[in-house]
Amino acid sequence: LAFGLFGIAAICSLMTKSFLNRRQILAVSLIALLIPAVEFAQIWMPERHVDFKDVLNGWLGLGVACALYAVVWWIWQIARRCGSKK
């Protein structure tokens, strides 16, 4: 959930008129690389352990955030087209 919210924040803050731009793709890619890095950094924390399931859950949250962005953008485009026809 945290990485999904982080992804939505990055995508929305870098939004332009197009669906996806290079900055958004770069931001999502960097977040996707950050997820295993944060998990790997837990090696040095005494009461934490590295778990590949956490990496998969982080990527899943980021993927859901991207899919949610796509759906909202698509609905927004339909609403804009319907509003401009009147």
Protein backbone atom coordinates (compact mmCIF):
# COMPACT_ATOMS: atom_id res chain seq x y z
CA LEU A 1 0.00 0.00 0.00
CA ALA A 2 2.78 2.44 0.87
CA PHE A 3 4.56 2.02 -2.45
CA GLY A 4 1.24 2.29 -4.27
CA LEU A 5 0.55 5.62 -2.61
CA PHE A 6 4.10 6.70 -3.36
CA GLY A 7 3.57 5.74 -7.01
CA ILE A 8 0.28 7.61 -7.29
CA ALA A 9 1.89 10.70 -5.77
CA ALA A 10 4.78 10.53 -8.23
CA ILE A 11 2.54 9.98 -11.26
CA CYS A 12 0.11 12.74 -10.31
CA SER A 13 2.83 15.26 -9.50
CA LEU A 14 4.45 14.68 -12.89
CA MET A 15 1.18 14.65 -14.86
CA THR A 16 0.91 16.42 -18.20
CA LYS A 17 -1.78 16.38 -20.88
CA SER A 18 -0.56 13.07 -22.27
CA PHE A 19 -1.31 9.71 -20.67
CA LEU A 20 2.29 8.88 -19.76
CA ASN A 21 5.44 10.88 -20.18
CA ARG A 22 9.11 10.11 -19.69
CA ARG A 23 9.25 11.64 -16.23
CA GLN A 24 6.36 9.48 -15.01
CA ILE A 25 7.89 6.32 -16.46
CA LEU A 26 11.25 7.19 -14.89
CA ALA A 27 9.62 7.86 -11.51
CA VAL A 28 7.74 4.54 -11.54
CA SER A 29 10.90 2.72 -12.65
CA LEU A 30 12.92 4.26 -9.83
CA ILE A 31 10.23 3.32 -7.31
CA ALA A 32 10.25 -0.23 -8.69
CA LEU A 33 14.02 -0.35 -8.09
CA LEU A 34 13.66 1.22 -4.65
CA ILE A 35 11.37 -1.56 -3.43
CA PRO A 36 14.00 -4.37 -3.44
CA ALA A 37 16.68 -1.91 -2.25
CA VAL A 38 14.65 -1.05 0.84
CA GLU A 39 13.99 -4.73 1.46
CA PHE A 40 17.67 -5.60 1.06
CA ALA A 41 18.65 -2.79 3.46
CA GLN A 42 16.83 -4.65 6.20
CA ILE A 43 19.77 -7.08 6.41
CA TRP A 44 21.48 -4.66 8.77
CA MET A 45 18.46 -4.19 11.02
CA PRO A 46 18.58 -6.67 13.92
CA GLU A 47 14.90 -7.55 14.23
CA ARG A 48 14.02 -7.42 10.52
CA HIS A 49 14.49 -10.00 7.80
CA VAL A 50 14.62 -9.90 4.02
CA ASP A 51 11.53 -11.42 2.45
CA PHE A 52 10.94 -11.73 -1.28
CA LYS A 53 7.18 -11.71 -0.65
CA ASP A 54 7.48 -8.13 0.58
CA VAL A 55 9.19 -7.16 -2.69
CA LEU A 56 6.38 -8.80 -4.67
CA ASN A 57 3.77 -7.05 -2.54
CA GLY A 58 5.50 -3.72 -3.10
CA TRP A 59 5.54 -4.27 -6.86
CA LEU A 60 1.89 -5.35 -6.71
CA GLY A 61 0.96 -2.16 -4.88
CA LEU A 62 2.83 -0.08 -7.44
CA GLY A 63 1.13 -1.96 -10.27
CA VAL A 64 -2.31 -1.42 -8.76
CA ALA A 65 -1.54 2.28 -8.41
CA CYS A 66 -0.54 2.49 -12.08
CA ALA A 67 -3.66 0.60 -13.13
CA LEU A 68 -5.82 2.88 -11.00
CA TYR A 69 -4.19 5.91 -12.61
CA ALA A 70 -4.92 4.46 -16.08
CA VAL A 71 -8.59 3.86 -15.24
CA VAL A 72 -9.07 7.33 -13.74
CA TRP A 73 -7.31 8.95 -16.72
CA TRP A 74 -9.51 6.99 -19.14
CA ILE A 75 -12.71 8.01 -17.30
CA TRP A 76 -11.51 11.63 -17.21
CA GLN A 77 -10.96 11.58 -20.99
CA ILE A 78 -14.46 10.20 -21.60
CA ALA A 79 -15.96 12.83 -19.31
CA ARG A 80 -14.07 15.60 -21.11
CA ARG A 81 -15.27 14.39 -24.51
CA CYS A 82 -18.88 14.18 -23.33
CA GLY A 83 -18.63 17.64 -21.78
CA SER A 84 -17.19 19.24 -24.90
CA LYS A 85 -20.00 17.90 -27.15
CA LYS A 86 -22.63 19.97 -25.37
